[in-house]
Amino acid sequence: MKKILTIASFGLLLGMGAQQALAMECTTTPEEQWMKPEQLQKMFTEQGYDVKKVKKEDSCLEVYAIKDGEKMEIVVDPTNGKVLKTKKM
């Protein structure tokens, strides 16, 4: 029984570590110096995206948009709009 609890605890800790590894740090720049969501929306719209939402997530901005029929979540550096990660949904 003790061995099962130890394995289960290890699995839980491993899962927590993986979840933390997925969190990104995009910038340490204060939010006052970030791009405005409207600027980011305009930038992506000009690139052919149908932007549905822009939201703050930790130290990043996430753009939820559709392009060429594909729904996407795009993680960007909020200081310059550089794409750091794209995920099709």
PDB file of N, CA and C in Angstrom:
ATOM      1  N   MET A   1       0.830  -1.188   0.000  1.00  0.00           N
ATOM      2  CA  MET A   1       0.000   0.000   0.000  1.00  0.00           C
ATOM      3  C   MET A   1       0.875   1.252   0.000  1.00  0.00           C
ATOM      4  N   LYS A   2       1.930   1.225   0.811  1.00  0.00           N
ATOM      5  CA  LYS A   2       2.823   2.377   0.911  1.00  0.00           C
ATOM      6  C   LYS A   2       3.492   2.647  -0.438  1.00  0.00           C
ATOM      7  N   LYS A   3       3.849   1.575  -1.140  1.00  0.00           N
ATOM      8  CA  LYS A   3       4.484   1.710  -2.445  1.00  0.00           C
ATOM      9  C   LYS A   3       3.533   2.354  -3.449  1.00  0.00           C
ATOM     10  N   ILE A   4       2.265   1.983  -3.405  1.00  0.00           N
ATOM     11  CA  ILE A   4       1.256   2.544  -4.312  1.00  0.00           C
ATOM     12  C   ILE A   4       1.097   4.035  -4.051  1.00  0.00           C
ATOM     13  N   LEU A   5       1.038   4.437  -2.776  1.00  0.00           N
ATOM     14  CA  LEU A   5       0.915   5.852  -2.442  1.00  0.00           C
ATOM     15  C   LEU A   5       2.139   6.634  -2.899  1.00  0.00           C
ATOM     16  N   THR A   6       3.320   6.063  -2.761  1.00  0.00           N
ATOM     17  CA  THR A   6       4.546   6.724  -3.196  1.00  0.00           C
ATOM     18  C   THR A   6       4.535   6.917  -4.701  1.00  0.00           C
ATOM     19  N   ILE A   7       4.138   5.920  -5.447  1.00  0.00           N
ATOM     20  CA  ILE A   7       4.073   6.015  -6.907  1.00  0.00           C
ATOM     21  C   ILE A   7       3.024   7.056  -7.309  1.00  0.00           C
ATOM     22  N   ALA A   8       1.875   7.043  -6.657  1.00  0.00           N
ATOM     23  CA  ALA A   8       0.813   8.006  -6.964  1.00  0.00           C
ATOM     24  C   ALA A   8       1.279   9.423  -6.666  1.00  0.00           C
ATOM     25  N   SER A   9       1.963   9.621  -5.543  1.00  0.00           N
ATOM     26  CA  SER A   9       2.477  10.947  -5.183  1.00  0.00           C
ATOM     27  C   SER A   9       3.501  11.419  -6.199  1.00  0.00           C
ATOM     28  N   PHE A  10       4.375  10.531  -6.615  1.00  0.00           N
ATOM     29  CA  PHE A  10       5.384  10.874  -7.615  1.00  0.00           C
ATOM     30  C   PHE A  10       4.720  11.282  -8.930  1.00  0.00           C
ATOM     31  N   GLY A  11       3.698  10.537  -9.319  1.00  0.00           N
ATOM     32  CA  GLY A  11       2.963  10.853 -10.551  1.00  0.00           C
ATOM     33  C   GLY A  11       2.304  12.218 -10.470  1.00  0.00           C
ATOM     34  N   LEU A  12       1.742  12.540  -9.309  1.00  0.00           N
ATOM     35  CA  LEU A  12       1.116  13.835  -9.108  1.00  0.00           C
ATOM     36  C   LEU A  12       2.146  14.952  -9.213  1.00  0.00           C
ATOM     37  N   LEU A  13       3.289  14.782  -8.578  1.00  0.00           N
ATOM     38  CA  LEU A  13       4.345  15.790  -8.641  1.00  0.00           C
ATOM     39  C   LEU A  13       4.883  15.941 -10.065  1.00  0.00           C
ATOM     40  N   LEU A  14       5.032  14.840 -10.754  1.00  0.00           N
ATOM     41  CA  LEU A  14       5.503  14.877 -12.129  1.00  0.00           C
ATOM     42  C   LEU A  14       4.513  15.639 -13.009  1.00  0.00           C
ATOM     43  N   GLY A  15       3.239  15.390 -12.815  1.00  0.00           N
ATOM     44  CA  GLY A  15       2.197  16.098 -13.563  1.00  0.00           C
ATOM     45  C   GLY A  15       2.209  17.583 -13.280  1.00  0.00           C
ATOM     46  N   MET A  16       2.422  17.956 -12.020  1.00  0.00           N
ATOM     47  CA  MET A  16       2.491  19.368 -11.660  1.00  0.00           C
ATOM     48  C   MET A  16       3.697  20.025 -12.309  1.00  0.00           C
ATOM     49  N   GLY A  17       4.805  19.325 -12.353  1.00  0.00           N
ATOM     50  CA  GLY A  17       6.009  19.858 -12.987  1.00  0.00           C
ATOM     51  C   GLY A  17       5.805  20.071 -14.472  1.00  0.00           C
ATOM     52  N   ALA A  18       5.115  19.160 -15.124  1.00  0.00           N
ATOM     53  CA  ALA A  18       4.839  19.294 -16.555  1.00  0.00           C
ATOM     54  C   ALA A  18       3.928  20.476 -16.807  1.00  0.00           C
ATOM     55  N   GLN A  19       2.959  20.685 -15.920  1.00  0.00           N
ATOM     56  CA  GLN A  19       2.045  21.807 -16.078  1.00  0.00           C
ATOM     57  C   GLN A  19       2.797  23.125 -15.938  1.00  0.00           C
ATOM     58  N   GLN A  20       3.709  23.212 -14.992  1.00  0.00           N
ATOM     59  CA  GLN A  20       4.497  24.424 -14.818  1.00  0.00           C
ATOM     60  C   GLN A  20       5.413  24.650 -16.007  1.00  0.00           C
ATOM     61  N   ALA A  21       5.908  23.590 -16.605  1.00  0.00           N
ATOM     62  CA  ALA A  21       6.796  23.726 -17.755  1.00  0.00           C
ATOM     63  C   ALA A  21       6.050  24.308 -18.954  1.00  0.00           C
ATOM     64  N   LEU A  22       4.731  24.102 -19.028  1.00  0.00           N
ATOM     65  CA  LEU A  22       3.947  24.636 -20.135  1.00  0.00           C
ATOM     66  C   LEU A  22       3.735  26.137 -20.007  1.00  0.00           C
ATOM     67  N   ALA A  23       3.792  26.665 -18.798  1.00  0.00           N
ATOM     68  CA  ALA A  23       3.628  28.098 -18.600  1.00  0.00           C
ATOM     69  C   ALA A  23       4.851  28.813 -19.184  1.00  0.00           C
ATOM     70  N   MET A  24       4.579  29.864 -19.941  1.00  0.00           N
ATOM     71  CA  MET A  24       5.663  30.589 -20.588  1.00  0.00           C
ATOM     72  C   MET A  24       5.869  31.931 -19.895  1.00  0.00           C
ATOM     73  N   GLU A  25       7.082  32.390 -19.910  1.00  0.00           N
ATOM     74  CA  GLU A  25       7.340  33.765 -19.509  1.00  0.00           C
ATOM     75  C   GLU A  25       7.734  34.500 -20.773  1.00  0.00           C
ATOM     76  N   CYS A  26       6.889  35.419 -21.195  1.00  0.00           N
ATOM     77  CA  CYS A  26       7.127  36.140 -22.448  1.00  0.00           C
ATOM     78  C   CYS A  26       7.976  37.378 -22.240  1.00  0.00           C
ATOM     79  N   THR A  27       7.796  38.033 -21.099  1.00  0.00           N
ATOM     80  CA  THR A  27       8.529  39.269 -20.849  1.00  0.00           C
ATOM     81  C   THR A  27       8.552  39.582 -19.363  1.00  0.00           C
ATOM     82  N   THR A  28       9.503  40.385 -18.976  1.00  0.00           N
ATOM     83  CA  THR A  28       9.535  40.914 -17.616  1.00  0.00           C
ATOM     84  C   THR A  28       9.238  42.419 -17.637  1.00  0.00           C
ATOM     85  N   THR A  29       8.920  42.934 -18.813  1.00  0.00           N
ATOM     86  CA  THR A  29       8.599  44.345 -18.986  1.00  0.00           C
ATOM     87  C   THR A  29       7.272  44.665 -18.301  1.00  0.00           C
ATOM     88  N   PRO A  30       7.186  45.774 -17.588  1.00  0.00           N
ATOM     89  CA  PRO A  30       5.923  46.144 -16.931  1.00  0.00           C
ATOM     90  C   PRO A  30       4.774  46.291 -17.938  1.00  0.00           C
ATOM     91  N   GLU A  31       3.563  45.943 -17.504  1.00  0.00           N
ATOM     92  CA  GLU A  31       2.390  45.960 -18.386  1.00  0.00           C
ATOM     93  C   GLU A  31       2.133  47.321 -19.018  1.00  0.00           C
ATOM     94  N   GLU A  32       2.507  48.398 -18.345  1.00  0.00           N
ATOM     95  CA  GLU A  32       2.283  49.738 -18.894  1.00  0.00           C
ATOM     96  C   GLU A  32       3.013  49.926 -20.225  1.00  0.00           C
ATOM     97  N   GLN A  33       4.025  49.107 -20.474  1.00  0.00           N
ATOM     98  CA  GLN A  33       4.827  49.230 -21.691  1.00  0.00           C
ATOM     99  C   GLN A  33       4.446  48.196 -22.749  1.00  0.00           C
ATOM    100  N   TRP A  34       3.423  47.405 -22.498  1.00  0.00           N
ATOM    101  CA  TRP A  34       2.963  46.394 -23.447  1.00  0.00           C
ATOM    102  C   TRP A  34       2.162  47.036 -24.571  1.00  0.00           C
ATOM    103  N   MET A  35       2.046  46.321 -25.670  1.00  0.00           N
ATOM    104  CA  MET A  35       1.153  46.731 -26.747  1.00  0.00           C
ATOM    105  C   MET A  35      -0.280  46.664 -26.230  1.00  0.00           C
ATOM    106  N   LYS A  36      -1.127  47.528 -26.737  1.00  0.00           N
ATOM    107  CA  LYS A  36      -2.552  47.486 -26.406  1.00  0.00           C
ATOM    108  C   LYS A  36      -3.197  46.357 -27.205  1.00  0.00           C
ATOM    109  N   PRO A  37      -4.205  45.694 -26.632  1.00  0.00           N
ATOM    110  CA  PRO A  37      -4.885  44.620 -27.371  1.00  0.00           C
ATOM    111  C   PRO A  37      -5.387  45.089 -28.744  1.00  0.00           C
ATOM    112  N   GLU A  38      -5.828  46.338 -28.836  1.00  0.00           N
ATOM    113  CA  GLU A  38      -6.318  46.865 -30.113  1.00  0.00           C
ATOM    114  C   GLU A  38      -5.200  46.904 -31.163  1.00  0.00           C
ATOM    115  N   GLN A  39      -3.985  47.246 -30.727  1.00  0.00           N
ATOM    116  CA  GLN A  39      -2.841  47.265 -31.646  1.00  0.00           C
ATOM    117  C   GLN A  39      -2.553  45.860 -32.163  1.00  0.00           C
ATOM    118  N   LEU A  40      -2.569  44.916 -31.251  1.00  0.00           N
ATOM    119  CA  LEU A  40      -2.300  43.527 -31.613  1.00  0.00           C
ATOM    120  C   LEU A  40      -3.383  42.993 -32.548  1.00  0.00           C
ATOM    121  N   GLN A  41      -4.635  43.334 -32.248  1.00  0.00           N
ATOM    122  CA  GLN A  41      -5.740  42.892 -33.098  1.00  0.00           C
ATOM    123  C   GLN A  41      -5.568  43.471 -34.506  1.00  0.00           C
ATOM    124  N   LYS A  42      -5.230  44.736 -34.614  1.00  0.00           N
ATOM    125  CA  LYS A  42      -5.031  45.370 -35.921  1.00  0.00           C
ATOM    126  C   LYS A  42      -3.882  44.695 -36.674  1.00  0.00           C
ATOM    127  N   MET A  43      -2.791  44.424 -35.981  1.00  0.00           N
ATOM    128  CA  MET A  43      -1.627  43.790 -36.596  1.00  0.00           C
ATOM    129  C   MET A  43      -1.988  42.424 -37.194  1.00  0.00           C
ATOM    130  N   PHE A  44      -2.727  41.613 -36.420  1.00  0.00           N
ATOM    131  CA  PHE A  44      -3.095  40.281 -36.906  1.00  0.00           C
ATOM    132  C   PHE A  44      -4.167  40.353 -37.991  1.00  0.00           C
ATOM    133  N   THR A  45      -5.088  41.291 -37.876  1.00  0.00           N
ATOM    134  CA  THR A  45      -6.118  41.465 -38.913  1.00  0.00           C
ATOM    135  C   THR A  45      -5.466  41.810 -40.246  1.00  0.00           C
ATOM    136  N   GLU A  46      -4.453  42.662 -40.218  1.00  0.00           N
ATOM    137  CA  GLU A  46      -3.733  43.038 -41.433  1.00  0.00           C
ATOM    138  C   GLU A  46      -2.992  41.856 -42.054  1.00  0.00           C
ATOM    139  N   GLN A  47      -2.724  40.828 -41.254  1.00  0.00           N
ATOM    140  CA  GLN A  47      -2.051  39.625 -41.751  1.00  0.00           C
ATOM    141  C   GLN A  47      -3.057  38.555 -42.197  1.00  0.00           C
ATOM    142  N   GLY A  48      -4.355  38.908 -42.201  1.00  0.00           N
ATOM    143  CA  GLY A  48      -5.361  37.985 -42.700  1.00  0.00           C
ATOM    144  C   GLY A  48      -6.064  37.147 -41.657  1.00  0.00           C
ATOM    145  N   TYR A  49      -5.862  37.434 -40.393  1.00  0.00           N
ATOM    146  CA  TYR A  49      -6.526  36.695 -39.319  1.00  0.00           C
ATOM    147  C   TYR A  49      -7.870  37.346 -38.996  1.00  0.00           C
ATOM    148  N   ASP A  50      -8.842  36.527 -38.626  1.00  0.00           N
ATOM    149  CA  ASP A  50     -10.105  37.006 -38.085  1.00  0.00           C
ATOM    150  C   ASP A  50      -9.969  36.871 -36.566  1.00  0.00           C
ATOM    151  N   VAL A  51      -9.592  37.956 -35.909  1.00  0.00           N
ATOM    152  CA  VAL A  51      -9.303  37.924 -34.478  1.00  0.00           C
ATOM    153  C   VAL A  51     -10.599  37.918 -33.684  1.00  0.00           C
ATOM    154  N   LYS A  52     -10.735  36.931 -32.830  1.00  0.00           N
ATOM    155  CA  LYS A  52     -11.928  36.778 -31.994  1.00  0.00           C
ATOM    156  C   LYS A  52     -11.727  37.372 -30.605  1.00  0.00           C
ATOM    157  N   LYS A  53     -10.495  37.227 -30.064  1.00  0.00           N
ATOM    158  CA  LYS A  53     -10.242  37.691 -28.701  1.00  0.00           C
ATOM    159  C   LYS A  53      -8.742  37.839 -28.480  1.00  0.00           C
ATOM    160  N   VAL A  54      -8.370  38.826 -27.673  1.00  0.00           N
ATOM    161  CA  VAL A  54      -6.991  38.985 -27.205  1.00  0.00           C
ATOM    162  C   VAL A  54      -7.072  39.023 -25.687  1.00  0.00           C
ATOM    163  N   LYS A  55      -6.294  38.166 -25.027  1.00  0.00           N
ATOM    164  CA  LYS A  55      -6.341  38.165 -23.563  1.00  0.00           C
ATOM    165  C   LYS A  55      -4.949  38.025 -22.969  1.00  0.00           C
ATOM    166  N   LYS A  56      -4.822  38.526 -21.753  1.00  0.00           N
ATOM    167  CA  LYS A  56      -3.578  38.425 -20.999  1.00  0.00           C
ATOM    168  C   LYS A  56      -3.529  37.068 -20.321  1.00  0.00           C
ATOM    169  N   GLU A  57      -2.370  36.421 -20.408  1.00  0.00           N
ATOM    170  CA  GLU A  57      -2.147  35.151 -19.717  1.00  0.00           C
ATOM    171  C   GLU A  57      -0.732  35.189 -19.162  1.00  0.00           C
ATOM    172  N   ASP A  58      -0.625  35.334 -17.858  1.00  0.00           N
ATOM    173  CA  ASP A  58       0.669  35.483 -17.183  1.00  0.00           C
ATOM    174  C   ASP A  58       1.406  36.691 -17.766  1.00  0.00           C
ATOM    175  N   SER A  59       2.596  36.495 -18.310  1.00  0.00           N
ATOM    176  CA  SER A  59       3.368  37.613 -18.865  1.00  0.00           C
ATOM    177  C   SER A  59       3.272  37.654 -20.391  1.00  0.00           C
ATOM    178  N   CYS A  60       2.235  37.035 -20.931  1.00  0.00           N
ATOM    179  CA  CYS A  60       2.039  36.963 -22.382  1.00  0.00           C
ATOM    180  C   CYS A  60       0.678  37.541 -22.761  1.00  0.00           C
ATOM    181  N   LEU A  61       0.511  37.774 -24.048  1.00  0.00           N
ATOM    182  CA  LEU A  61      -0.807  38.035 -24.602  1.00  0.00           C
ATOM    183  C   LEU A  61      -1.137  36.875 -25.523  1.00  0.00           C
ATOM    184  N   GLU A  62      -2.387  36.441 -25.489  1.00  0.00           N
ATOM    185  CA  GLU A  62      -2.840  35.353 -26.352  1.00  0.00           C
ATOM    186  C   GLU A  62      -3.864  35.911 -27.328  1.00  0.00           C
ATOM    187  N   VAL A  63      -3.687  35.561 -28.587  1.00  0.00           N
ATOM    188  CA  VAL A  63      -4.613  35.966 -29.634  1.00  0.00           C
ATOM    189  C   VAL A  63      -5.371  34.722 -30.071  1.00  0.00           C
ATOM    190  N   TYR A  64      -6.683  34.788 -30.013  1.00  0.00           N
ATOM    191  CA  TYR A  64      -7.533  33.698 -30.494  1.00  0.00           C
ATOM    192  C   TYR A  64      -8.105  34.169 -31.822  1.00  0.00           C
ATOM    193  N   ALA A  65      -7.809  33.444 -32.881  1.00  0.00           N
ATOM    194  CA  ALA A  65      -8.179  33.900 -34.214  1.00  0.00           C
ATOM    195  C   ALA A  65      -8.425  32.727 -35.157  1.00  0.00           C
ATOM    196  N   ILE A  66      -8.967  33.064 -36.325  1.00  0.00           N
ATOM    197  CA  ILE A  66      -9.196  32.083 -37.390  1.00  0.00           C
ATOM    198  C   ILE A  66      -8.477  32.582 -38.633  1.00  0.00           C
ATOM    199  N   LYS A  67      -7.750  31.691 -39.287  1.00  0.00           N
ATOM    200  CA  LYS A  67      -7.105  32.010 -40.553  1.00  0.00           C
ATOM    201  C   LYS A  67      -7.198  30.782 -41.447  1.00  0.00           C
ATOM    202  N   ASP A  68      -7.646  30.994 -42.666  1.00  0.00           N
ATOM    203  CA  ASP A  68      -7.808  29.895 -43.628  1.00  0.00           C
ATOM    204  C   ASP A  68      -8.660  28.761 -43.050  1.00  0.00           C
ATOM    205  N   GLY A  69      -9.683  29.120 -42.280  1.00  0.00           N
ATOM    206  CA  GLY A  69     -10.588  28.130 -41.714  1.00  0.00           C
ATOM    207  C   GLY A  69     -10.069  27.415 -40.478  1.00  0.00           C
ATOM    208  N   GLU A  70      -8.861  27.732 -40.041  1.00  0.00           N
ATOM    209  CA  GLU A  70      -8.254  27.072 -38.865  1.00  0.00           C
ATOM    210  C   GLU A  70      -8.365  27.972 -37.635  1.00  0.00           C
ATOM    211  N   LYS A  71      -8.916  27.443 -36.547  1.00  0.00           N
ATOM    212  CA  LYS A  71      -8.939  28.168 -35.275  1.00  0.00           C
ATOM    213  C   LYS A  71      -7.557  28.053 -34.647  1.00  0.00           C
ATOM    214  N   MET A  72      -7.065  29.168 -34.118  1.00  0.00           N
ATOM    215  CA  MET A  72      -5.714  29.175 -33.557  1.00  0.00           C
ATOM    216  C   MET A  72      -5.644  29.937 -32.245  1.00  0.00           C
ATOM    217  N   GLU A  73      -4.726  29.503 -31.420  1.00  0.00           N
ATOM    218  CA  GLU A  73      -4.327  30.233 -30.224  1.00  0.00           C
ATOM    219  C   GLU A  73      -2.872  30.627 -30.470  1.00  0.00           C
ATOM    220  N   ILE A  74      -2.598  31.920 -30.429  1.00  0.00           N
ATOM    221  CA  ILE A  74      -1.257  32.414 -30.734  1.00  0.00           C
ATOM    222  C   ILE A  74      -0.733  33.162 -29.513  1.00  0.00           C
ATOM    223  N   VAL A  75       0.384  32.714 -28.979  1.00  0.00           N
ATOM    224  CA  VAL A  75       1.012  33.353 -27.832  1.00  0.00           C
ATOM    225  C   VAL A  75       2.047  34.335 -28.367  1.00  0.00           C
ATOM    226  N   VAL A  76       1.944  35.590 -27.906  1.00  0.00           N
ATOM    227  CA  VAL A  76       2.856  36.612 -28.410  1.00  0.00           C
ATOM    228  C   VAL A  76       3.550  37.350 -27.281  1.00  0.00           C
ATOM    229  N   ASP A  77       4.724  37.879 -27.601  1.00  0.00           N
ATOM    230  CA  ASP A  77       5.444  38.767 -26.697  1.00  0.00           C
ATOM    231  C   ASP A  77       4.680  40.085 -26.702  1.00  0.00           C
ATOM    232  N   PRO A  78       4.170  40.518 -25.554  1.00  0.00           N
ATOM    233  CA  PRO A  78       3.325  41.705 -25.525  1.00  0.00           C
ATOM    234  C   PRO A  78       4.068  43.020 -25.756  1.00  0.00           C
ATOM    235  N   THR A  79       5.380  42.978 -25.790  1.00  0.00           N
ATOM    236  CA  THR A  79       6.141  44.206 -26.006  1.00  0.00           C
ATOM    237  C   THR A  79       6.335  44.529 -27.480  1.00  0.00           C
ATOM    238  N   ASN A  80       6.270  43.480 -28.339  1.00  0.00           N
ATOM    239  CA  ASN A  80       6.551  43.715 -29.759  1.00  0.00           C
ATOM    240  C   ASN A  80       5.657  42.915 -30.717  1.00  0.00           C
ATOM    241  N   GLY A  81       4.794  42.064 -30.186  1.00  0.00           N
ATOM    242  CA  GLY A  81       3.888  41.283 -31.022  1.00  0.00           C
ATOM    243  C   GLY A  81       4.520  40.076 -31.685  1.00  0.00           C
ATOM    244  N   LYS A  82       5.749  39.763 -31.319  1.00  0.00           N
ATOM    245  CA  LYS A  82       6.429  38.610 -31.909  1.00  0.00           C
ATOM    246  C   LYS A  82       5.727  37.314 -31.489  1.00  0.00           C
ATOM    247  N   VAL A  83       5.440  36.462 -32.479  1.00  0.00           N
ATOM    248  CA  VAL A  83       4.782  35.172 -32.211  1.00  0.00           C
ATOM    249  C   VAL A  83       5.780  34.227 -31.552  1.00  0.00           C
ATOM    250  N   LEU A  84       5.401  33.705 -30.390  1.00  0.00           N
ATOM    251  CA  LEU A  84       6.261  32.779 -29.655  1.00  0.00           C
ATOM    252  C   LEU A  84       5.792  31.338 -29.777  1.00  0.00           C
ATOM    253  N   LYS A  85       4.472  31.162 -29.969  1.00  0.00           N
ATOM    254  CA  LYS A  85       3.919  29.812 -30.039  1.00  0.00           C
ATOM    255  C   LYS A  85       2.566  29.884 -30.732  1.00  0.00           C
ATOM    256  N   THR A  86       2.299  28.927 -31.598  1.00  0.00           N
ATOM    257  CA  THR A  86       1.012  28.836 -32.275  1.00  0.00           C
ATOM    258  C   THR A  86       0.449  27.448 -32.057  1.00  0.00           C
ATOM    259  N   LYS A  87      -0.834  27.390 -31.710  1.00  0.00           N
ATOM    260  CA  LYS A  87      -1.481  26.099 -31.489  1.00  0.00           C
ATOM    261  C   LYS A  87      -2.805  26.093 -32.229  1.00  0.00           C
ATOM    262  N   LYS A  88      -2.984  25.086 -33.102  1.00  0.00           N
ATOM    263  CA  LYS A  88      -4.270  24.917 -33.783  1.00  0.00           C
ATOM    264  C   LYS A  88      -5.238  24.288 -32.808  1.00  0.00           C
ATOM    265  N   MET A  89      -6.479  24.748 -32.835  1.00  0.00           N
ATOM    266  CA  MET A  89      -7.470  24.255 -31.875  1.00  0.00           C
ATOM    267  C   MET A  89      -8.486  23.387 -32.566  1.00  0.00           C
TER     268      MET A  89
END
